[in-house]
Amino acid sequence: MLKDVERQWRQMTAAHTTVHCSVLQHLITDKMLITGSFLRNISYESKAMVASRRALPSAL
């Protein structure tokens, strides 16, 4: 009886760990995609700011 319960519990925890790992992987890849696009936006904005700063003195 006890051995059976232990075996079931081991199977459940093993399955749970696998699910947990795949969920974590999804979260990590989502985070990386979000961070990647965020960093790209920042670099675009900083380039635009540099360009506008260069244009300002010549306009004045």
N, C-alpha and C. Protein backbone atom coordinates (compact mmCIF):
# COMPACT_ATOMS: atom_id res chain seq x y z
N MET A 1 0.84 -1.20 0.00
CA MET A 1 0.00 0.00 0.00
C MET A 1 0.88 1.25 0.00
N LEU A 2 1.80 1.32 0.93
CA LEU A 2 2.66 2.50 1.05
C LEU A 2 3.57 2.64 -0.17
N LYS A 3 4.10 1.50 -0.64
CA LYS A 3 4.97 1.52 -1.82
C LYS A 3 4.21 2.06 -3.03
N ASP A 4 2.95 1.64 -3.16
CA ASP A 4 2.13 2.07 -4.29
C ASP A 4 1.93 3.58 -4.25
N VAL A 5 1.62 4.10 -3.08
CA VAL A 5 1.42 5.54 -2.91
C VAL A 5 2.70 6.29 -3.25
N GLU A 6 3.81 5.76 -2.77
CA GLU A 6 5.10 6.40 -3.02
C GLU A 6 5.41 6.43 -4.51
N ARG A 7 5.12 5.33 -5.20
CA ARG A 7 5.37 5.25 -6.64
C ARG A 7 4.50 6.27 -7.39
N GLN A 8 3.23 6.34 -7.00
CA GLN A 8 2.33 7.31 -7.63
C GLN A 8 2.83 8.74 -7.40
N TRP A 9 3.25 9.01 -6.18
CA TRP A 9 3.72 10.35 -5.83
C TRP A 9 4.95 10.70 -6.66
N ARG A 10 5.86 9.73 -6.82
CA ARG A 10 7.07 9.96 -7.63
C ARG A 10 6.71 10.27 -9.07
N GLN A 11 5.75 9.53 -9.61
CA GLN A 11 5.32 9.77 -11.00
C GLN A 11 4.72 11.16 -11.13
N MET A 12 3.90 11.52 -10.16
CA MET A 12 3.26 12.84 -10.20
C MET A 12 4.29 13.96 -10.12
N THR A 13 5.24 13.83 -9.21
CA THR A 13 6.25 14.89 -9.07
C THR A 13 7.13 14.96 -10.31
N ALA A 14 7.42 13.81 -10.91
CA ALA A 14 8.24 13.80 -12.13
C ALA A 14 7.50 14.52 -13.25
N ALA A 15 6.21 14.23 -13.41
CA ALA A 15 5.40 14.88 -14.44
C ALA A 15 5.31 16.38 -14.15
N HIS A 16 5.10 16.72 -12.90
CA HIS A 16 4.97 18.12 -12.51
C HIS A 16 6.26 18.89 -12.81
N THR A 17 7.39 18.27 -12.53
CA THR A 17 8.68 18.92 -12.78
C THR A 17 8.86 19.19 -14.27
N THR A 18 8.47 18.22 -15.10
CA THR A 18 8.60 18.40 -16.55
C THR A 18 7.73 19.56 -17.01
N VAL A 19 6.49 19.59 -16.55
CA VAL A 19 5.57 20.68 -16.90
C VAL A 19 6.16 22.00 -16.44
N HIS A 20 6.65 22.03 -15.21
CA HIS A 20 7.20 23.25 -14.63
C HIS A 20 8.37 23.75 -15.48
N CYS A 21 9.24 22.84 -15.92
CA CYS A 21 10.39 23.23 -16.73
C CYS A 21 9.96 23.83 -18.05
N SER A 22 8.97 23.23 -18.71
CA SER A 22 8.53 23.75 -20.00
C SER A 22 7.86 25.11 -19.82
N VAL A 23 7.10 25.27 -18.74
CA VAL A 23 6.47 26.56 -18.46
C VAL A 23 7.54 27.61 -18.22
N LEU A 24 8.55 27.26 -17.43
CA LEU A 24 9.66 28.18 -17.17
C LEU A 24 10.36 28.57 -18.46
N GLN A 25 10.56 27.58 -19.33
CA GLN A 25 11.22 27.85 -20.60
C GLN A 25 10.41 28.85 -21.42
N HIS A 26 9.09 28.65 -21.45
CA HIS A 26 8.22 29.58 -22.18
C HIS A 26 8.33 30.98 -21.60
N LEU A 27 8.29 31.07 -20.28
CA LEU A 27 8.39 32.37 -19.62
C LEU A 27 9.71 33.04 -19.95
N ILE A 28 10.78 32.26 -19.93
CA ILE A 28 12.11 32.82 -20.20
C ILE A 28 12.19 33.32 -21.64
N THR A 29 11.69 32.52 -22.61
CA THR A 29 11.76 32.95 -24.00
C THR A 29 10.88 34.18 -24.22
N ASP A 30 9.70 34.22 -23.57
CA ASP A 30 8.85 35.41 -23.67
C ASP A 30 9.59 36.63 -23.14
N LYS A 31 10.21 36.47 -21.97
CA LYS A 31 10.96 37.57 -21.37
C LYS A 31 12.06 38.05 -22.31
N MET A 32 12.76 37.09 -22.93
CA MET A 32 13.85 37.46 -23.83
C MET A 32 13.33 38.21 -25.04
N LEU A 33 12.19 37.77 -25.58
CA LEU A 33 11.60 38.45 -26.74
C LEU A 33 11.18 39.86 -26.36
N ILE A 34 10.51 39.99 -25.19
CA ILE A 34 10.07 41.30 -24.73
C ILE A 34 11.27 42.21 -24.49
N THR A 35 12.28 41.68 -23.81
CA THR A 35 13.48 42.47 -23.52
C THR A 35 14.18 42.87 -24.81
N GLY A 36 14.24 41.94 -25.77
CA GLY A 36 14.89 42.22 -27.04
C GLY A 36 14.23 43.37 -27.77
N SER A 37 12.89 43.34 -27.85
CA SER A 37 12.19 44.40 -28.57
C SER A 37 12.31 45.71 -27.80
N PHE A 38 12.30 45.62 -26.47
CA PHE A 38 12.45 46.81 -25.63
C PHE A 38 13.80 47.48 -25.88
N LEU A 39 14.86 46.67 -25.90
CA LEU A 39 16.20 47.21 -26.14
C LEU A 39 16.32 47.79 -27.55
N ARG A 40 15.68 47.14 -28.52
CA ARG A 40 15.69 47.67 -29.89
C ARG A 40 15.02 49.03 -29.92
N ASN A 41 13.88 49.16 -29.24
CA ASN A 41 13.18 50.44 -29.20
C ASN A 41 14.05 51.52 -28.58
N ILE A 42 14.74 51.17 -27.50
CA ILE A 42 15.61 52.14 -26.83
C ILE A 42 16.71 52.59 -27.78
N SER A 43 17.32 51.65 -28.50
CA SER A 43 18.41 52.04 -29.41
C SER A 43 17.88 52.91 -30.54
N TYR A 44 16.67 52.62 -31.03
CA TYR A 44 16.08 53.48 -32.06
C TYR A 44 15.85 54.88 -31.52
N GLU A 45 15.30 54.95 -30.30
CA GLU A 45 15.02 56.26 -29.70
C GLU A 45 16.30 57.06 -29.48
N SER A 46 17.34 56.40 -29.00
CA SER A 46 18.58 57.13 -28.73
C SER A 46 19.20 57.61 -30.04
N LYS A 47 19.09 56.81 -31.11
CA LYS A 47 19.61 57.24 -32.41
C LYS A 47 18.83 58.46 -32.91
N ALA A 48 17.51 58.44 -32.71
CA ALA A 48 16.68 59.56 -33.14
C ALA A 48 17.04 60.81 -32.34
N MET A 49 17.29 60.64 -31.04
CA MET A 49 17.65 61.79 -30.20
C MET A 49 18.98 62.38 -30.64
N VAL A 50 19.95 61.52 -30.94
CA VAL A 50 21.26 61.99 -31.39
C VAL A 50 21.09 62.74 -32.71
N ALA A 51 20.28 62.20 -33.60
CA ALA A 51 20.06 62.85 -34.90
C ALA A 51 19.40 64.21 -34.72
N SER A 52 18.42 64.30 -33.81
CA SER A 52 17.73 65.58 -33.61
C SER A 52 18.65 66.59 -32.93
N ARG A 53 19.53 66.11 -32.05
CA ARG A 53 20.48 67.02 -31.39
C ARG A 53 21.46 67.59 -32.41
N ARG A 54 21.84 66.76 -33.38
CA ARG A 54 22.76 67.23 -34.42
C ARG A 54 22.07 68.24 -35.32
N ALA A 55 20.78 68.04 -35.53
CA ALA A 55 20.03 68.92 -36.44
C ALA A 55 19.73 70.26 -35.78
N LEU A 56 19.59 70.26 -34.45
CA LEU A 56 19.22 71.49 -33.75
C LEU A 56 20.22 72.63 -33.91
N PRO A 57 21.50 72.45 -33.64
CA PRO A 57 22.45 73.57 -33.75
C PRO A 57 22.47 74.19 -35.15
N SER A 58 22.38 73.35 -36.17
CA SER A 58 22.42 73.90 -37.53
C SER A 58 21.14 74.69 -37.83
N ALA A 59 20.03 74.30 -37.20
CA ALA A 59 18.77 75.03 -37.40
C ALA A 59 18.83 76.38 -36.69
N LEU A 60 19.51 76.41 -35.55
CA LEU A 60 19.63 77.67 -34.81
C LEU A 60 20.70 78.53 -35.45
